[in-house]
Every structure is written in structure tokens, then in C-alpha cells.
């Protein structure tokens, strides 16, 4: 309908204003999200989806992918992703042999395979202390090859500073006096040399740990040193000491939360669950945050081995995740539908499509009885801002507001003229072929 005969002038005016207001609100939301994509904190729907509540909670949380970041805390999953990225990085930038070796050391570390173990080596041109070769504990970390005059440290066993001090202490340095014999002086020099070699190996292990080794320490810990985790090869702090225990605690808290949530009925139980959920999210961030930072550091360090020309190739293409697809569809939907409503272009279709999209937002956190309220100052029951906008858009879909003020009116006139021109042309062709004028209606 292109006429306003059935609507009052006020109704027409306010419906047009409503369409423009909703269109601008959607368009601005889309443009703002686009403006953040190149910032330090690009917009993502991850937080909204991960905290989804209501009957469709699992559906929306699955859109976020790894909603609880459990994959980030799984060594096999993260290491497989990093290895796949390593290959894609080398192929994308067409690395030469030297660059590939640098990338390999970055990811896997500078260790070599010795006696079936990945290890670091150092020249040992003095005898090892007798206690060194007899200690079963030490052999897990270090061993000596007398023929090759080498001492090795296992790359997979992160040496505890306390154990390092114990190993160095095995080389007793005798007290020297002016009357000391040459043999005593040599023994003291050999002991100092052995201690220096152990320190060099310790430092080499710290510097040469690849990101996969660091990941193993951060996620799996080191059971041989009572759970101490060396994320950066340095002395652990309290957070590192608790890391392994926190992983198990986090998984257990998630399990208990889901059990309590399934049985929750009263408002008091939901309030307790909300408090517990905040604690779980804090723990999730504490645990997965360092791993995410480690991955970012890996990719940043890898960029340093590239030439200027290779940098021009742009970033390594990565497969799209469900979350990235959802984010892109949200941004494109908000921007496109908002612009169409502002222009009055296919306004009825745009209104229905926008209503469908906003109804999805509503379902992610519906204000229903027995469902935890969405975070923020809004307090709603059944109806919230998203649902009100859905109803407003459906009202617009039932009215020809784009014909009153918008591109729809121009399109209507264009197609009307096109059909009219087509009919006139057809009538003229009929006249030429029959020699008779077409019949016309008379009053």
C-alpha cells in the first residue's frame, strides 16, 4: 500500500520517526563495533554468549566455541594448534632454511635428541663428582657422557633451583691455604668448573625453552618438582606454585556449578549460583590468561624473523571459528539492516530481519522467572529492551513506511513506470501487426 489514506498524518509521521530511530540505533551499533576491530580490544560477542542463560543457554554458549576455555588448558589441543600454525606460517611467508630453523627453535626449543631424550649439552672437561652419578633423582635431569666429554640436561625436565643448588653442592670445593698441594688446587678448580657448567646448562635451558615446553610447564606442571611451573623459565611465584592444583579445582567447580544450576529453584539458590559463577570466571581468566598471552607472544616473536618483503604478505590466514562467524554476521546484520531502515530500502524485509536478529539477542538472556538476571542496571520480567524493539520492528513490518518516506517509494514508481512502458510498447507492437488501434476503456 503506497497511500496514507488509512493512516492519520500523526501516525505516519511517528512511524517514520520510529523507523529512522531504530535504523540509526542499529547502524550506530554496527559502526561502533567495526571501529573497535583495529583497536587493542576488538569487539566480540564471546562474553555475551558465554554468560548466556535461559532455555537456549547451551546453544548460545556453543556458538562461543570453547565457552569455559577448557581447550586453552588442554596441552594436546593447544600444542596441535601451534604446530599447525607453525606450518602455515612457514608456507605463507615462504621461509628460507635459516628462518625455518629459527622458527623451529622458537616453537620447539634449541634442544637436540640424545640417548632418546631431548636435551641441552655443555662441554665437561673435568671429572663429575662421584655423588652426581649415583643419584637416581639427578639422573632424571642430568647425565654425563665421559667419552664425549659432555654433560646433558633433559629439556623436558625443568630444573628446580633447589635441585640445581644440590647438584652444584656435590662438587665440594676444598679450602685452600698457601701450603695446599697442586692436587688440592686442581680439585678446587675442577669443582668450580663443574659448578660453572651446571649453571651454564641451567641458564641455557631457561633461554632455550621453546614455547611448547613453556606450554607444557604452564598447563601440565612439573610433577618431579611438586607441581612447580616455570612459565617463563624464571623462579615461580605463588600463582605458578598453585597452577596445577587450580586446573583441577576449576574443572571441579564447573562440574558442581552445573549440578547446582540444574537443581536450583529459589531466588536464593540463583543468587548463590551467580556469586559462584563470578568466582569461576575469575579463576578461568587467571588460568587461561597466561596461555593466551603466551600464544600472542609466540606469534609476535615469530614476526621478528621475517624480512620487510615478507611482512608485506600480511598475517597468516586462519580458519574461521563459529564465534568469528557469529561476530561477523552480527556486525554485518546491524550495519546493513540499520542502513536499510534509515534509507527506507526494502523496509518491510529489513524490519522483519532486524526483529529476528534482536529476538536472538533476547533469547540469549531472557528475563524469565527462574532465570538469573542479565548483568547491568536493567531489571525486567518477560519484557526487556530487546523484546520491545522486536515488537516495534514488527509494527514497522506491517506498515509501508518506506513508501511514505524512503527509497521504497522511488522503487515503486520506477517499477510502475517500467510496467507501464512495457504495456505501451506491447500495445504498439500489436497495432503494427494488426493495423488496428487497441481497445480503450470509455466512460
Foldseek 3Di string as FASTA:
>chain_A
DLDCVVPDPVVLVVLLVLLLVLLVVLQVVLVVQVVQCPPPDRDFCLVLLLPFWDPCNVVSCVLSPPSLCVLLLDLVNVLVVVVVVLVLLCVLLVDDPVLNVVLCLQAAFDFDADPNFTKDKDAQPADAQPVCVVDPLNVVAKDADVVVRMIIGGLLAQDDPVVLVVRLVSLDQDDDDPPDDPVSVVSNVSSVSVNVRSVVRLVSSLVGHHLSSLSCLLNVNHVSVPRQGDNNSDHDDPLRSCRHVLSVVLVVLVVVLVVLLVVDDDPVSVVVSVVSVVVSVVSSCSRSVSSVVSVVVSVVVSVVSHDPVSVVSDDRDDDDGSRNVVRVCSSCLSNVLSVCSNQLNVLLVSLQSLLVVLVVSCNRAPQDPSMDHDDDDDDDYRDDPSNVSSVSSNVSSVDSSSSVGHCVVVVVVVVVVVVVVVVVVVQVVVCVVPVDHDDDDDD
